[in-house]
C-alpha atoms as a PDB file:
ATOM      1  CA  MET A   1       7.350   1.874  -9.804  1.00  0.00           C
ATOM      2  CA  GLN A   2       5.581   1.304 -13.552  1.00  0.00           C
ATOM      3  CA  ALA A   3       1.869   1.908 -13.907  1.00  0.00           C
ATOM      4  CA  ASP A   4       1.383  -1.728 -14.812  1.00  0.00           C
ATOM      5  CA  GLU A   5       3.425  -2.924 -11.781  1.00  0.00           C
ATOM      6  CA  ILE A   6       1.499  -0.678  -9.274  1.00  0.00           C
ATOM      7  CA  ALA A   7      -1.335  -2.656 -10.974  1.00  0.00           C
ATOM      8  CA  ARG A   8      -0.047  -5.668  -9.890  1.00  0.00           C
ATOM      9  CA  LEU A   9       0.544  -4.655  -6.313  1.00  0.00           C
ATOM     10  CA  GLU A  10      -1.909  -6.132  -3.925  1.00  0.00           C
ATOM     11  CA  VAL A  11      -3.251  -3.168  -2.386  1.00  0.00           C
ATOM     12  CA  ASP A  12      -6.695  -1.251  -1.639  1.00  0.00           C
ATOM     13  CA  GLU A  13      -7.544   1.229  -4.379  1.00  0.00           C
ATOM     14  CA  ALA A  14      -6.583   4.172  -2.554  1.00  0.00           C
ATOM     15  CA  GLN A  15      -3.406   3.131  -2.176  1.00  0.00           C
ATOM     16  CA  ARG A  16      -2.775   1.971  -5.157  1.00  0.00           C
ATOM     17  CA  SER A  17      -4.555   5.486  -6.407  1.00  0.00           C
ATOM     18  CA  ALA A  18      -2.120   7.927  -4.317  1.00  0.00           C
ATOM     19  CA  LEU A  19       0.904   5.963  -5.617  1.00  0.00           C
ATOM     20  CA  LEU A  20      -0.190   6.377  -9.231  1.00  0.00           C
ATOM     21  CA  ALA A  21      -0.758  10.042  -8.156  1.00  0.00           C
ATOM     22  CA  GLY A  22       2.615  10.141  -6.517  1.00  0.00           C
ATOM     23  CA  ASP A  23       1.092  11.393  -3.443  1.00  0.00           C
ATOM     24  CA  GLY A  24       2.881  10.816  -0.894  1.00  0.00           C
ATOM     25  CA  PRO A  25       1.433  12.642   1.869  1.00  0.00           C
ATOM     26  CA  ALA A  26      -2.246  10.420   1.486  1.00  0.00           C
ATOM     27  CA  LEU A  27       0.081   7.529   1.412  1.00  0.00           C
ATOM     28  CA  GLY A  28       1.815   7.904   4.646  1.00  0.00           C
ATOM     29  CA  ARG A  29      -1.912   8.533   6.032  1.00  0.00           C
ATOM     30  CA  LEU A  30      -3.368   5.666   4.299  1.00  0.00           C
ATOM     31  CA  LEU A  31      -1.077   3.582   5.895  1.00  0.00           C
ATOM     32  CA  ASP A  32      -1.134   5.175   9.877  1.00  0.00           C
ATOM     33  CA  GLY A  33       2.567   6.264   8.615  1.00  0.00           C
ATOM     34  CA  ARG A  34       4.205   9.552  10.858  1.00  0.00           C
ATOM     35  CA  SER A  35       4.671  12.933   9.331  1.00  0.00           C
ATOM     36  CA  ALA A  36       7.538  13.347  11.080  1.00  0.00           C
ATOM     37  CA  ILE A  37      10.670  11.287  12.786  1.00  0.00           C
ATOM     38  CA  TYR A  38      13.641  12.392  14.998  1.00  0.00           C
ATOM     39  CA  CYS A  39      16.668  11.013  15.386  1.00  0.00           C
ATOM     40  CA  MET A  40      18.276  12.664  18.777  1.00  0.00           C
ATOM     41  CA  ILE A  41      21.892  11.650  19.988  1.00  0.00           C
ATOM     42  CA  SER A  42      22.770  12.502  23.675  1.00  0.00           C
ATOM     43  CA  THR A  43      26.365  12.471  25.051  1.00  0.00           C
ATOM     44  CA  PRO A  44      27.808  11.931  28.534  1.00  0.00           C
ATOM     45  CA  ASP A  45      27.844  15.910  30.277  1.00  0.00           C
ATOM     46  CA  GLU A  46      31.517  14.646  31.624  1.00  0.00           C
ATOM     47  CA  GLN A  47      33.632  12.853  29.817  1.00  0.00           C
ATOM     48  CA  GLU A  48      37.628  12.896  29.784  1.00  0.00           C
ATOM     49  CA  PRO A  49      38.996  14.075  26.380  1.00  0.00           C
ATOM     50  CA  LEU A  50      41.099  11.673  24.830  1.00  0.00           C
ATOM     51  CA  ARG A  51      44.450  11.410  25.141  1.00  0.00           C
ATOM     52  CA  GLU A  52      45.327  10.482  21.092  1.00  0.00           C
ATOM     53  CA  PRO A  53      42.477  10.348  18.303  1.00  0.00           C
ATOM     54  CA  ASP A  54      40.804   7.909  17.594  1.00  0.00           C
ATOM     55  CA  LYS A  55      43.075   6.057  14.135  1.00  0.00           C
ATOM     56  CA  ARG A  56      40.906   3.131  13.131  1.00  0.00           C
ATOM     57  CA  ASP A  57      38.798   3.425  10.138  1.00  0.00           C
ATOM     58  CA  ASP A  58      35.116   1.698   9.624  1.00  0.00           C
ATOM     59  CA  ASP A  59      36.182  -1.573  10.362  1.00  0.00           C
ATOM     60  CA  GLY A  60      38.081  -0.983  13.599  1.00  0.00           C
ATOM     61  CA  ASP A  61      41.583  -1.722  12.214  1.00  0.00           C
ATOM     62  CA  HIS A  62      44.196   0.979  13.258  1.00  0.00           C
ATOM     63  CA  ASP A  63      45.118   2.448   9.877  1.00  0.00           C
ATOM     64  CA  ARG A  64      48.066   1.416   7.987  1.00  0.00           C
ATOM     65  CA  GLU A  65      50.671   2.017   5.458  1.00  0.00           C
ATOM     66  CA  PRO A  66      49.290   1.129   1.778  1.00  0.00           C
ATOM     67  CA  GLU A  67      51.288  -1.895   0.610  1.00  0.00           C
ATOM     68  CA  GLU A  68      53.650  -1.134  -1.944  1.00  0.00           C
ATOM     69  CA  GLN A  69      51.877  -2.184  -5.237  1.00  0.00           C
ATOM     70  CA  PRO A  70      54.536  -3.759  -7.913  1.00  0.00           C
ATOM     71  CA  ASP A  71      55.345  -0.899 -10.570  1.00  0.00           C
ATOM     72  CA  LYS A  72      52.744  -1.716 -14.021  1.00  0.00           C
ATOM     73  CA  ASP A  73      54.937  -0.989 -16.157  1.00  0.00           C
ATOM     74  CA  GLY A  74      57.637  -2.853 -16.280  1.00  0.00           C
END
């Protein structure tokens, strides 16, 4: 953000000063933010191994061979 954009924000002066100074920790304190955020993933202790690796793509569809594209040269 540019200084003129920050000046137009509806924030108090302390928040504006922290934004202009690029002081993230001060802005976090002013907004009652958390200094640390953690993400933990828990997996079951015992799980049957997959018999076959998952071959789905990100959309959940199974992998398919790519369709042949027509020759661009002729």
